[in-house]
Amino acid sequence: MEIHKKVWPQYFDAINSGKKNYELRLNDFEVKEGDVLILQEWDPQTQEYTGRSCRREVTYVAKCKLDELFWSKEQIEEKGIQIISIK
């Protein structure tokens, strides 16, 4: 399945160059391994697509809810969460 999503310019550039190999998204759509994300650059200033896009195959999906994480809600609210890409 192909899934189209908006991506802000700074993230699009990192994805398109191969530097960023993950996506952090709200779990408001269905996605599974083997699906293809069509990532379309979106300019939040102009509220328009730039015309650039790239395709990336989904290789892994991890889903969790706040109460399923290792940290308390208070710790997350205080410090936030970071996503770390490893190779």
C-alpha atoms as a PDB file:
ATOM      1  CA  MET A   1       0.000   0.000   0.000  1.00  0.00           C
ATOM      2  CA  GLU A   2       1.187   3.541  -0.698  1.00  0.00           C
ATOM      3  CA  ILE A   3       0.670   6.143   2.023  1.00  0.00           C
ATOM      4  CA  HIS A   4       1.137   9.854   1.323  1.00  0.00           C
ATOM      5  CA  LYS A   5       2.385  12.090   4.143  1.00  0.00           C
ATOM      6  CA  LYS A   6       3.541  15.689   4.485  1.00  0.00           C
ATOM      7  CA  VAL A   7       7.121  16.374   5.611  1.00  0.00           C
ATOM      8  CA  TRP A   8       8.573  19.761   6.558  1.00  0.00           C
ATOM      9  CA  PRO A   9      11.601  20.901   4.507  1.00  0.00           C
ATOM     10  CA  GLN A  10      14.331  20.313   7.125  1.00  0.00           C
ATOM     11  CA  TYR A  11      13.147  16.744   7.665  1.00  0.00           C
ATOM     12  CA  PHE A  12      12.592  16.115   3.961  1.00  0.00           C
ATOM     13  CA  ASP A  13      16.198  17.111   3.205  1.00  0.00           C
ATOM     14  CA  ALA A  14      17.524  14.751   5.891  1.00  0.00           C
ATOM     15  CA  ILE A  15      15.361  11.872   4.616  1.00  0.00           C
ATOM     16  CA  ASN A  16      16.123  12.540   0.968  1.00  0.00           C
ATOM     17  CA  SER A  17      19.887  12.612   1.636  1.00  0.00           C
ATOM     18  CA  GLY A  18      19.713   9.304   3.522  1.00  0.00           C
ATOM     19  CA  LYS A  19      20.796  10.839   6.840  1.00  0.00           C
ATOM     20  CA  LYS A  20      17.395  10.360   8.517  1.00  0.00           C
ATOM     21  CA  ASN A  21      16.109   6.799   8.255  1.00  0.00           C
ATOM     22  CA  TYR A  22      13.126   6.868  10.593  1.00  0.00           C
ATOM     23  CA  GLU A  23       9.791   8.638  10.916  1.00  0.00           C
ATOM     24  CA  LEU A  24       8.085   9.647  14.132  1.00  0.00           C
ATOM     25  CA  ARG A  25       4.347   9.894  13.476  1.00  0.00           C
ATOM     26  CA  LEU A  26       1.118  10.055  15.379  1.00  0.00           C
ATOM     27  CA  ASN A  27      -0.573   6.646  15.216  1.00  0.00           C
ATOM     28  CA  ASP A  28      -3.588   7.999  13.323  1.00  0.00           C
ATOM     29  CA  PHE A  29      -3.259   5.831  10.210  1.00  0.00           C
ATOM     30  CA  GLU A  30      -2.597   2.188   9.403  1.00  0.00           C
ATOM     31  CA  VAL A  31       0.907   1.268   8.257  1.00  0.00           C
ATOM     32  CA  LYS A  32       2.740  -2.040   8.121  1.00  0.00           C
ATOM     33  CA  GLU A  33       6.024  -3.508   6.954  1.00  0.00           C
ATOM     34  CA  GLY A  34       6.216  -3.522   3.165  1.00  0.00           C
ATOM     35  CA  ASP A  35       4.047  -0.426   2.730  1.00  0.00           C
ATOM     36  CA  VAL A  36       5.563   2.537   0.885  1.00  0.00           C
ATOM     37  CA  LEU A  37       5.570   6.045   2.315  1.00  0.00           C
ATOM     38  CA  ILE A  38       5.330   8.783  -0.290  1.00  0.00           C
ATOM     39  CA  LEU A  39       6.831  11.692   1.628  1.00  0.00           C
ATOM     40  CA  GLN A  40       5.872  15.033   0.134  1.00  0.00           C
ATOM     41  CA  GLU A  41       7.731  18.173   1.140  1.00  0.00           C
ATOM     42  CA  TRP A  42       5.345  20.673   2.748  1.00  0.00           C
ATOM     43  CA  ASP A  43       6.281  24.271   3.501  1.00  0.00           C
ATOM     44  CA  PRO A  44       4.596  25.290   6.777  1.00  0.00           C
ATOM     45  CA  GLN A  45       5.206  28.984   6.002  1.00  0.00           C
ATOM     46  CA  THR A  46       3.306  28.992   2.690  1.00  0.00           C
ATOM     47  CA  GLN A  47       1.015  26.076   3.625  1.00  0.00           C
ATOM     48  CA  GLU A  48       1.762  24.482   0.247  1.00  0.00           C
ATOM     49  CA  TYR A  49       3.564  21.471  -1.160  1.00  0.00           C
ATOM     50  CA  THR A  50       6.923  22.303  -2.761  1.00  0.00           C
ATOM     51  CA  GLY A  51       6.634  19.645  -5.466  1.00  0.00           C
ATOM     52  CA  ARG A  52       9.448  17.480  -4.089  1.00  0.00           C
ATOM     53  CA  SER A  53       8.694  13.962  -2.898  1.00  0.00           C
ATOM     54  CA  CYS A  54      10.481  10.704  -2.162  1.00  0.00           C
ATOM     55  CA  ARG A  55       9.464   7.072  -1.686  1.00  0.00           C
ATOM     56  CA  ARG A  56      10.594   4.970   1.264  1.00  0.00           C
ATOM     57  CA  GLU A  57       9.698   1.364   2.043  1.00  0.00           C
ATOM     58  CA  VAL A  58       8.510   0.662   5.579  1.00  0.00           C
ATOM     59  CA  THR A  59      10.808  -1.939   7.131  1.00  0.00           C
ATOM     60  CA  TYR A  60       9.654  -1.827  10.775  1.00  0.00           C
ATOM     61  CA  VAL A  61       6.760  -0.315  12.733  1.00  0.00           C
ATOM     62  CA  ALA A  62       6.770   0.120  16.514  1.00  0.00           C
ATOM     63  CA  LYS A  63       3.601   1.385  18.160  1.00  0.00           C
ATOM     64  CA  CYS A  64       3.135   2.298  21.800  1.00  0.00           C
ATOM     65  CA  LYS A  65       0.942   4.368  24.054  1.00  0.00           C
ATOM     66  CA  LEU A  66       2.070   6.646  26.844  1.00  0.00           C
ATOM     67  CA  ASP A  67       1.232   4.131  29.590  1.00  0.00           C
ATOM     68  CA  GLU A  68       3.201   1.387  27.780  1.00  0.00           C
ATOM     69  CA  LEU A  69       6.513   3.248  27.852  1.00  0.00           C
ATOM     70  CA  PHE A  70       9.347   2.690  30.308  1.00  0.00           C
ATOM     71  CA  TRP A  71       9.034   6.140  31.867  1.00  0.00           C
ATOM     72  CA  SER A  72       6.346   7.896  33.852  1.00  0.00           C
ATOM     73  CA  LYS A  73       4.125  10.536  32.265  1.00  0.00           C
ATOM     74  CA  GLU A  74       5.802  13.117  34.487  1.00  0.00           C
ATOM     75  CA  GLN A  75       9.296  12.149  33.271  1.00  0.00           C
ATOM     76  CA  ILE A  76       8.158  12.341  29.656  1.00  0.00           C
ATOM     77  CA  GLU A  77       6.472  15.719  30.176  1.00  0.00           C
ATOM     78  CA  GLU A  78       9.606  17.080  31.892  1.00  0.00           C
ATOM     79  CA  LYS A  79      12.267  15.710  29.550  1.00  0.00           C
ATOM     80  CA  GLY A  80      10.498  14.638  26.355  1.00  0.00           C
ATOM     81  CA  ILE A  81      11.393  11.599  24.289  1.00  0.00           C
ATOM     82  CA  GLN A  82      14.169  11.252  21.766  1.00  0.00           C
ATOM     83  CA  ILE A  83      14.244   8.869  18.834  1.00  0.00           C
ATOM     84  CA  ILE A  84      17.715   7.560  18.040  1.00  0.00           C
ATOM     85  CA  SER A  85      18.583   6.113  14.684  1.00  0.00           C
ATOM     86  CA  ILE A  86      21.192   3.344  14.819  1.00  0.00           C
ATOM     87  CA  LYS A  87      23.029   1.372  12.163  1.00  0.00           C
END
